Amino acid sequence: MEKYLKSARGFTLIEIMVVIVILSMLAILVGPKIIGRTDDAKIADAKVQIKNLETALKLYKLDNGDYPGTEQGLQALVEKPAAGVIPKNYREGGYLEHKDVPKDPWDNDYLYISPGEHGDFDLYSLGADGVRGGEKKDADIESWNLR
C-alpha cells in the first residue's frame, strides 16, 4: 500500500500555476479575435440572406412576369398576394423554403421597395443600429451594393 501512495503523486502548486498562466495568455490573445468576429459573421449572414431573397424574387418574376409590389412586400414570397397585382402562376408552397420571410441577423425586417431606385427592386437591411446609413457594423447592407 505504501508503494502505491508514493507513485500516485498529484500536481505541484508550481505546475498548476504554469498551466493557469498559459491558459490565461491564450485567453488574452485569442479571446478578442473571436469576440470581434461576431459582427463580421452577422454581416456575412445578412448578405447571404439578401442573395437568397433576390433569387426567390427572380423566381417569382419568372413565374408571374413581374416582381411583387412594395405593398405586397416580401410576404408575397410566402403566400399568394390578395391585393395589388394578383399573380397568375403563383407557385404552390411559395418561393421560400422555410415558409416565412427571414429577419436580418439583428432581428429586424428586411426592407423591400419595388420598383426600386437602384433597379427593379431595392432590398436592404439597416445593419446593427437599425438606422439608415452608418459605418462598419452599423452600415446598411444593400442588394445593389453587395460585393
N, C-alpha and C. Protein backbone atom coordinates (compact mmCIF):
# COMPACT_ATOMS: atom_id res chain seq x y z
N MET A 1 0.82 -1.18 0.00
CA MET A 1 0.00 0.00 0.00
C MET A 1 0.87 1.25 0.00
N GLU A 2 1.96 1.19 0.76
CA GLU A 2 2.84 2.34 0.86
C GLU A 2 3.49 2.65 -0.49
N LYS A 3 3.80 1.61 -1.27
CA LYS A 3 4.38 1.79 -2.60
C LYS A 3 3.40 2.54 -3.51
N TYR A 4 2.14 2.20 -3.41
CA TYR A 4 1.11 2.82 -4.24
C TYR A 4 0.99 4.31 -3.94
N LEU A 5 1.03 4.70 -2.70
CA LEU A 5 0.90 6.10 -2.31
C LEU A 5 2.08 6.93 -2.82
N LYS A 6 3.26 6.38 -2.85
CA LYS A 6 4.43 7.11 -3.32
C LYS A 6 4.36 7.36 -4.83
N SER A 7 3.81 6.40 -5.61
CA SER A 7 3.77 6.56 -7.06
C SER A 7 2.56 7.37 -7.51
N ALA A 8 1.57 7.60 -6.67
CA ALA A 8 0.36 8.33 -7.05
C ALA A 8 0.41 9.76 -6.55
N ARG A 9 1.42 10.48 -6.97
CA ARG A 9 1.52 11.86 -6.50
C ARG A 9 0.74 12.76 -7.45
N GLY A 10 0.26 13.90 -6.99
CA GLY A 10 -0.53 14.84 -7.79
C GLY A 10 0.35 15.92 -8.38
N PHE A 11 -0.29 16.95 -8.92
CA PHE A 11 0.44 18.07 -9.48
C PHE A 11 0.92 18.98 -8.35
N THR A 12 2.07 19.57 -8.55
CA THR A 12 2.56 20.53 -7.56
C THR A 12 1.91 21.88 -7.82
N LEU A 13 1.99 22.75 -6.87
CA LEU A 13 1.42 24.09 -6.99
C LEU A 13 2.07 24.84 -8.15
N ILE A 14 3.35 24.66 -8.33
CA ILE A 14 4.07 25.33 -9.43
C ILE A 14 3.53 24.86 -10.78
N GLU A 15 3.32 23.58 -10.95
CA GLU A 15 2.80 23.05 -12.21
C GLU A 15 1.40 23.60 -12.50
N ILE A 16 0.57 23.66 -11.49
CA ILE A 16 -0.78 24.21 -11.66
C ILE A 16 -0.70 25.68 -12.04
N MET A 17 0.17 26.44 -11.43
CA MET A 17 0.32 27.87 -11.73
C MET A 17 0.81 28.08 -13.17
N VAL A 18 1.73 27.24 -13.64
CA VAL A 18 2.23 27.35 -15.01
C VAL A 18 1.09 27.10 -16.00
N VAL A 19 0.26 26.11 -15.75
CA VAL A 19 -0.87 25.81 -16.63
C VAL A 19 -1.85 26.98 -16.63
N ILE A 20 -2.13 27.57 -15.48
CA ILE A 20 -3.04 28.71 -15.39
C ILE A 20 -2.49 29.90 -16.16
N VAL A 21 -1.22 30.17 -16.06
CA VAL A 21 -0.60 31.28 -16.79
C VAL A 21 -0.70 31.04 -18.29
N ILE A 22 -0.42 29.84 -18.74
CA ILE A 22 -0.50 29.53 -20.18
C ILE A 22 -1.94 29.70 -20.68
N LEU A 23 -2.92 29.17 -19.95
CA LEU A 23 -4.32 29.32 -20.35
C LEU A 23 -4.76 30.78 -20.35
N SER A 24 -4.28 31.55 -19.39
CA SER A 24 -4.61 32.98 -19.34
C SER A 24 -4.04 33.72 -20.54
N MET A 25 -2.81 33.40 -20.91
CA MET A 25 -2.19 34.05 -22.08
C MET A 25 -2.97 33.70 -23.34
N LEU A 26 -3.37 32.45 -23.48
CA LEU A 26 -4.16 32.06 -24.64
C LEU A 26 -5.49 32.81 -24.69
N ALA A 27 -6.14 32.95 -23.54
CA ALA A 27 -7.42 33.66 -23.49
C ALA A 27 -7.24 35.14 -23.86
N ILE A 28 -6.16 35.74 -23.40
CA ILE A 28 -5.90 37.15 -23.71
C ILE A 28 -5.62 37.35 -25.20
N LEU A 29 -4.89 36.43 -25.81
CA LEU A 29 -4.54 36.56 -27.22
C LEU A 29 -5.68 36.18 -28.16
N VAL A 30 -6.39 35.12 -27.87
CA VAL A 30 -7.39 34.58 -28.78
C VAL A 30 -8.78 35.18 -28.53
N GLY A 31 -9.12 35.48 -27.30
CA GLY A 31 -10.44 35.96 -26.93
C GLY A 31 -10.93 37.15 -27.75
N PRO A 32 -10.18 38.25 -27.81
CA PRO A 32 -10.66 39.41 -28.57
C PRO A 32 -10.86 39.13 -30.05
N LYS A 33 -10.05 38.26 -30.62
CA LYS A 33 -10.20 37.95 -32.04
C LYS A 33 -11.49 37.20 -32.30
N ILE A 34 -11.86 36.30 -31.42
CA ILE A 34 -13.10 35.54 -31.57
C ILE A 34 -14.30 36.44 -31.32
N ILE A 35 -14.24 37.25 -30.27
CA ILE A 35 -15.36 38.12 -29.92
C ILE A 35 -15.62 39.15 -31.02
N GLY A 36 -14.60 39.69 -31.61
CA GLY A 36 -14.75 40.71 -32.65
C GLY A 36 -15.30 40.17 -33.95
N ARG A 37 -15.33 38.89 -34.13
CA ARG A 37 -15.76 38.28 -35.39
C ARG A 37 -17.27 38.11 -35.47
N THR A 38 -18.00 38.29 -34.38
CA THR A 38 -19.45 38.10 -34.43
C THR A 38 -20.11 39.13 -35.34
N ASP A 39 -19.63 40.36 -35.34
CA ASP A 39 -20.20 41.38 -36.23
C ASP A 39 -19.96 41.01 -37.69
N ASP A 40 -18.76 40.54 -38.01
CA ASP A 40 -18.45 40.13 -39.37
C ASP A 40 -19.34 38.97 -39.81
N ALA A 41 -19.59 38.05 -38.89
CA ALA A 41 -20.44 36.90 -39.22
C ALA A 41 -21.88 37.34 -39.49
N LYS A 42 -22.38 38.29 -38.71
CA LYS A 42 -23.75 38.79 -38.93
C LYS A 42 -23.85 39.52 -40.27
N ILE A 43 -22.85 40.29 -40.62
CA ILE A 43 -22.85 40.99 -41.90
C ILE A 43 -22.84 39.99 -43.05
N ALA A 44 -22.00 38.97 -42.94
CA ALA A 44 -21.95 37.93 -43.98
C ALA A 44 -23.28 37.19 -44.07
N ASP A 45 -23.90 36.91 -42.94
CA ASP A 45 -25.19 36.24 -42.93
C ASP A 45 -26.25 37.09 -43.62
N ALA A 46 -26.26 38.40 -43.35
CA ALA A 46 -27.23 39.29 -44.00
C ALA A 46 -27.04 39.30 -45.51
N LYS A 47 -25.80 39.31 -45.96
CA LYS A 47 -25.53 39.29 -47.40
C LYS A 47 -26.05 38.01 -48.04
N VAL A 48 -25.85 36.88 -47.38
CA VAL A 48 -26.33 35.61 -47.91
C VAL A 48 -27.85 35.60 -47.95
N GLN A 49 -28.49 36.09 -46.90
CA GLN A 49 -29.96 36.13 -46.87
C GLN A 49 -30.50 37.04 -47.98
N ILE A 50 -29.85 38.17 -48.20
CA ILE A 50 -30.29 39.07 -49.27
C ILE A 50 -30.16 38.37 -50.62
N LYS A 51 -29.06 37.68 -50.85
CA LYS A 51 -28.88 36.93 -52.10
C LYS A 51 -29.97 35.87 -52.26
N ASN A 52 -30.31 35.17 -51.18
CA ASN A 52 -31.36 34.15 -51.25
C ASN A 52 -32.72 34.79 -51.55
N LEU A 53 -33.00 35.93 -50.93
CA LEU A 53 -34.26 36.62 -51.20
C LEU A 53 -34.29 37.13 -52.65
N GLU A 54 -33.15 37.60 -53.15
CA GLU A 54 -33.09 38.03 -54.55
C GLU A 54 -33.42 36.86 -55.49
N THR A 55 -32.89 35.69 -55.20
CA THR A 55 -33.15 34.51 -56.02
C THR A 55 -34.64 34.18 -55.99
N ALA A 56 -35.25 34.21 -54.81
CA ALA A 56 -36.68 33.93 -54.70
C ALA A 56 -37.50 34.97 -55.47
N LEU A 57 -37.09 36.24 -55.40
CA LEU A 57 -37.79 37.29 -56.15
C LEU A 57 -37.68 37.07 -57.66
N LYS A 58 -36.53 36.63 -58.11
CA LYS A 58 -36.35 36.36 -59.55
C LYS A 58 -37.21 35.18 -60.00
N LEU A 59 -37.33 34.16 -59.16
CA LEU A 59 -38.20 33.03 -59.48
C LEU A 59 -39.67 33.49 -59.53
N TYR A 60 -40.05 34.37 -58.62
CA TYR A 60 -41.40 34.93 -58.61
C TYR A 60 -41.66 35.66 -59.93
N LYS A 61 -40.67 36.45 -60.37
CA LYS A 61 -40.83 37.19 -61.62
C LYS A 61 -40.92 36.24 -62.81
N LEU A 62 -40.12 35.19 -62.81
CA LEU A 62 -40.18 34.22 -63.91
C LEU A 62 -41.56 33.59 -64.03
N ASP A 63 -42.16 33.28 -62.90
CA ASP A 63 -43.48 32.65 -62.91
C ASP A 63 -44.60 33.63 -63.22
N ASN A 64 -44.46 34.88 -62.77
CA ASN A 64 -45.58 35.80 -62.78
C ASN A 64 -45.38 37.05 -63.64
N GLY A 65 -44.21 37.22 -64.23
CA GLY A 65 -43.98 38.32 -65.15
C GLY A 65 -43.51 39.61 -64.52
N ASP A 66 -43.58 39.74 -63.21
CA ASP A 66 -43.13 40.96 -62.55
C ASP A 66 -42.80 40.64 -61.09
N TYR A 67 -42.10 41.58 -60.46
CA TYR A 67 -41.79 41.42 -59.03
C TYR A 67 -42.99 41.83 -58.20
N PRO A 68 -43.09 41.34 -56.96
CA PRO A 68 -44.17 41.82 -56.10
C PRO A 68 -44.01 43.32 -55.87
N GLY A 69 -45.11 44.01 -55.72
CA GLY A 69 -45.06 45.44 -55.45
C GLY A 69 -44.64 45.72 -54.02
N THR A 70 -44.31 46.97 -53.75
CA THR A 70 -43.90 47.36 -52.40
C THR A 70 -44.98 47.01 -51.38
N GLU A 71 -46.24 47.27 -51.73
CA GLU A 71 -47.34 47.00 -50.79
C GLU A 71 -47.49 45.51 -50.52
N GLN A 72 -47.14 44.66 -51.48
CA GLN A 72 -47.19 43.21 -51.27
C GLN A 72 -45.99 42.75 -50.46
N GLY A 73 -44.87 43.40 -50.67
CA GLY A 73 -43.67 43.12 -49.90
C GLY A 73 -43.11 41.72 -50.09
N LEU A 74 -42.18 41.39 -49.22
CA LEU A 74 -41.54 40.07 -49.28
C LEU A 74 -42.49 38.96 -48.85
N GLN A 75 -43.57 39.33 -48.19
CA GLN A 75 -44.57 38.33 -47.78
C GLN A 75 -45.15 37.61 -49.00
N ALA A 76 -45.09 38.27 -50.17
CA ALA A 76 -45.59 37.65 -51.41
C ALA A 76 -44.77 36.42 -51.78
N LEU A 77 -43.60 36.27 -51.21
CA LEU A 77 -42.78 35.09 -51.48
C LEU A 77 -43.25 33.88 -50.67
N VAL A 78 -44.10 34.13 -49.67
CA VAL A 78 -44.56 33.08 -48.78
C VAL A 78 -46.02 32.72 -49.03
N GLU A 79 -46.83 33.73 -49.29
CA GLU A 79 -48.25 33.48 -49.54
C GLU A 79 -48.73 34.34 -50.70
N LYS A 80 -49.63 33.80 -51.48
CA LYS A 80 -50.12 34.48 -52.67
C LYS A 80 -50.79 35.80 -52.29
N PRO A 81 -50.35 36.90 -52.90
CA PRO A 81 -50.93 38.20 -52.58
C PRO A 81 -52.42 38.26 -52.92
N ALA A 82 -53.17 38.96 -52.08
CA ALA A 82 -54.60 39.14 -52.32
C ALA A 82 -54.90 40.56 -52.77
N ALA A 83 -53.90 41.43 -52.72
CA ALA A 83 -54.08 42.83 -53.13
C ALA A 83 -53.03 43.18 -54.17
N GLY A 84 -53.21 44.33 -54.82
CA GLY A 84 -52.27 44.74 -55.86
C GLY A 84 -52.43 43.85 -57.08
N VAL A 85 -51.34 43.67 -57.81
CA VAL A 85 -51.37 42.80 -58.99
C VAL A 85 -51.35 41.35 -58.51
N ILE A 86 -52.43 40.63 -58.75
CA ILE A 86 -52.53 39.24 -58.31
C ILE A 86 -51.76 38.35 -59.29
N PRO A 87 -50.79 37.58 -58.79
CA PRO A 87 -50.01 36.71 -59.69
C PRO A 87 -50.87 35.58 -60.26
N LYS A 88 -50.67 35.29 -61.55
CA LYS A 88 -51.47 34.27 -62.23
C LYS A 88 -50.87 32.87 -62.10
N ASN A 89 -49.57 32.79 -61.99
CA ASN A 89 -48.90 31.49 -61.95
C ASN A 89 -48.12 31.29 -60.64
N TYR A 90 -48.73 31.69 -59.55
CA TYR A 90 -48.06 31.60 -58.25
C TYR A 90 -47.73 30.15 -57.93
N ARG A 91 -46.49 29.93 -57.53
CA ARG A 91 -46.01 28.58 -57.22
C ARG A 91 -46.66 28.07 -55.93
N GLU A 92 -47.20 26.88 -55.99
CA GLU A 92 -47.80 26.27 -54.80
C GLU A 92 -46.70 26.10 -53.74
N GLY A 93 -46.96 26.58 -52.56
CA GLY A 93 -45.97 26.49 -51.48
C GLY A 93 -45.10 27.72 -51.37
N GLY A 94 -45.22 28.65 -52.31
CA GLY A 94 -44.44 29.88 -52.24
C GLY A 94 -43.03 29.73 -52.78
N TYR A 95 -42.21 30.69 -52.48
CA TYR A 95 -40.87 30.76 -53.07
C TYR A 95 -39.74 30.66 -52.04
N LEU A 96 -40.10 30.55 -50.77
CA LEU A 96 -39.08 30.41 -49.73
C LEU A 96 -39.23 29.05 -49.06
N GLU A 97 -38.13 28.40 -48.84
CA GLU A 97 -38.12 27.03 -48.33
C GLU A 97 -38.77 26.92 -46.95
N HIS A 98 -38.52 27.88 -46.07
CA HIS A 98 -38.99 27.75 -44.68
C HIS A 98 -40.36 28.36 -44.45
N LYS A 99 -41.02 28.79 -45.50
CA LYS A 99 -42.39 29.31 -45.42
C LYS A 99 -42.55 30.55 -44.55
N ASP A 100 -41.46 31.26 -44.32
CA ASP A 100 -41.55 32.55 -43.65
C ASP A 100 -40.42 33.44 -44.14
N VAL A 101 -40.66 34.74 -44.09
CA VAL A 101 -39.65 35.70 -44.53
C VAL A 101 -38.67 35.88 -43.38
N PRO A 102 -37.38 35.64 -43.63
CA PRO A 102 -36.41 35.75 -42.53
C PRO A 102 -36.22 37.19 -42.09
N LYS A 103 -35.84 37.35 -40.85
CA LYS A 103 -35.44 38.67 -40.35
C LYS A 103 -33.93 38.76 -40.52
N ASP A 104 -33.41 39.98 -40.52
CA ASP A 104 -31.96 40.12 -40.64
C ASP A 104 -31.30 39.64 -39.35
N PRO A 105 -29.98 39.50 -39.32
CA PRO A 105 -29.31 38.96 -38.13
C PRO A 105 -29.49 39.79 -36.86
N TRP A 106 -29.98 41.02 -36.99
CA TRP A 106 -30.22 41.89 -35.84
C TRP A 106 -31.70 41.89 -35.47
N ASP A 107 -32.45 40.93 -36.02
CA ASP A 107 -33.86 40.70 -35.74
C ASP A 107 -34.77 41.85 -36.22
N ASN A 108 -34.38 42.47 -37.32
CA ASN A 108 -35.20 43.49 -37.97
C ASN A 108 -35.68 42.95 -39.31
N ASP A 109 -36.77 43.51 -39.82
CA ASP A 109 -37.27 43.12 -41.13
C ASP A 109 -36.36 43.68 -42.22
N TYR A 110 -36.22 42.90 -43.30
CA TYR A 110 -35.55 43.44 -44.48
C TYR A 110 -36.50 44.43 -45.14
N LEU A 111 -35.96 45.48 -45.71
CA LEU A 111 -36.77 46.49 -46.37
C LEU A 111 -36.78 46.21 -47.87
N TYR A 112 -37.96 46.33 -48.47
CA TYR A 112 -38.16 45.98 -49.88
C TYR A 112 -38.98 47.08 -50.53
N ILE A 113 -38.49 47.56 -51.67
CA ILE A 113 -39.19 48.56 -52.45
C ILE A 113 -39.17 48.12 -53.91
N SER A 114 -40.35 48.11 -54.55
CA SER A 114 -40.42 47.74 -55.96
C SER A 114 -41.51 48.57 -56.64
N PRO A 115 -41.17 49.27 -57.70
CA PRO A 115 -39.85 49.37 -58.32
C PRO A 115 -38.89 50.16 -57.42
N GLY A 116 -37.63 49.82 -57.53
CA GLY A 116 -36.63 50.44 -56.67
C GLY A 116 -35.95 51.63 -57.32
N GLU A 117 -35.18 52.32 -56.53
CA GLU A 117 -34.40 53.46 -57.03
C GLU A 117 -33.11 52.99 -57.71
N HIS A 118 -32.68 51.77 -57.43
CA HIS A 118 -31.41 51.25 -57.93
C HIS A 118 -31.58 50.07 -58.87
N GLY A 119 -32.81 49.80 -59.28
CA GLY A 119 -33.07 48.67 -60.17
C GLY A 119 -34.54 48.29 -60.08
N ASP A 120 -34.84 47.07 -60.48
CA ASP A 120 -36.23 46.61 -60.43
C ASP A 120 -36.78 46.61 -59.01
N PHE A 121 -35.91 46.34 -58.06
CA PHE A 121 -36.30 46.39 -56.65
C PHE A 121 -35.09 46.76 -55.81
N ASP A 122 -35.35 47.31 -54.65
CA ASP A 122 -34.31 47.59 -53.65
C ASP A 122 -34.60 46.71 -52.45
N LEU A 123 -33.59 46.00 -52.00
CA LEU A 123 -33.72 45.10 -50.86
C LEU A 123 -32.53 45.38 -49.95
N TYR A 124 -32.80 45.69 -48.68
CA TYR A 124 -31.69 46.03 -47.81
C TYR A 124 -32.02 45.84 -46.33
N SER A 125 -30.94 45.79 -45.55
CA SER A 125 -31.01 45.73 -44.09
C SER A 125 -30.36 47.01 -43.58
N LEU A 126 -30.85 47.52 -42.47
CA LEU A 126 -30.30 48.74 -41.89
C LEU A 126 -29.09 48.48 -40.99
N GLY A 127 -28.63 47.27 -40.91
CA GLY A 127 -27.44 46.95 -40.13
C GLY A 127 -27.72 46.88 -38.64
N ALA A 128 -26.66 46.89 -37.85
CA ALA A 128 -26.77 46.67 -36.41
C ALA A 128 -27.54 47.77 -35.69
N ASP A 129 -27.42 49.01 -36.17
CA ASP A 129 -28.08 50.11 -35.46
C ASP A 129 -29.54 50.31 -35.85
N GLY A 130 -29.99 49.68 -36.94
CA GLY A 130 -31.37 49.79 -37.36
C GLY A 130 -31.76 51.15 -37.90
N VAL A 131 -30.75 51.97 -38.27
CA VAL A 131 -30.97 53.33 -38.76
C VAL A 131 -30.27 53.47 -40.12
N ARG A 132 -30.88 54.21 -41.02
CA ARG A 132 -30.31 54.43 -42.36
C ARG A 132 -28.91 55.02 -42.23
N GLY A 133 -27.98 54.52 -43.06
CA GLY A 133 -26.60 55.00 -43.05
C GLY A 133 -25.77 54.21 -42.04
N GLY A 134 -24.66 54.76 -41.68
CA GLY A 134 -23.80 54.13 -40.69
C GLY A 134 -22.52 53.60 -41.32
N GLU A 135 -21.61 53.22 -40.46
CA GLU A 135 -20.32 52.68 -40.89
C GLU A 135 -20.03 51.39 -40.16
N LYS A 136 -19.15 50.60 -40.75
CA LYS A 136 -18.71 49.31 -40.20
C LYS A 136 -19.92 48.43 -39.87
N LYS A 137 -20.08 48.00 -38.61
CA LYS A 137 -21.18 47.09 -38.28
C LYS A 137 -22.54 47.76 -38.39
N ASP A 138 -22.59 49.08 -38.35
CA ASP A 138 -23.85 49.81 -38.45
C ASP A 138 -24.22 50.14 -39.90
N ALA A 139 -23.35 49.83 -40.84
CA ALA A 139 -23.60 50.17 -42.25
C ALA A 139 -24.77 49.36 -42.79
N ASP A 140 -25.52 49.99 -43.70
CA ASP A 140 -26.62 49.30 -44.37
C ASP A 140 -26.05 48.25 -45.32
N ILE A 141 -26.78 47.15 -45.46
CA ILE A 141 -26.38 46.10 -46.38
C ILE A 141 -27.44 46.10 -47.49
N GLU A 142 -27.01 46.49 -48.68
CA GLU A 142 -27.94 46.77 -49.77
C GLU A 142 -27.72 45.81 -50.93
N SER A 143 -28.82 45.37 -51.53
CA SER A 143 -28.73 44.41 -52.64
C SER A 143 -27.93 44.97 -53.81
N TRP A 144 -28.00 46.27 -54.03
CA TRP A 144 -27.31 46.87 -55.18
C TRP A 144 -25.85 47.20 -54.87
N ASN A 145 -25.41 46.97 -53.63
CA ASN A 145 -24.03 47.25 -53.24
C ASN A 145 -23.30 46.03 -52.70
N LEU A 146 -23.82 44.85 -52.93
CA LEU A 146 -23.17 43.65 -52.38
C LEU A 146 -21.88 43.36 -53.14
N ARG A 147 -20.88 42.94 -52.41
CA ARG A 147 -19.59 42.56 -53.02
C ARG A 147 -19.25 41.16 -52.60
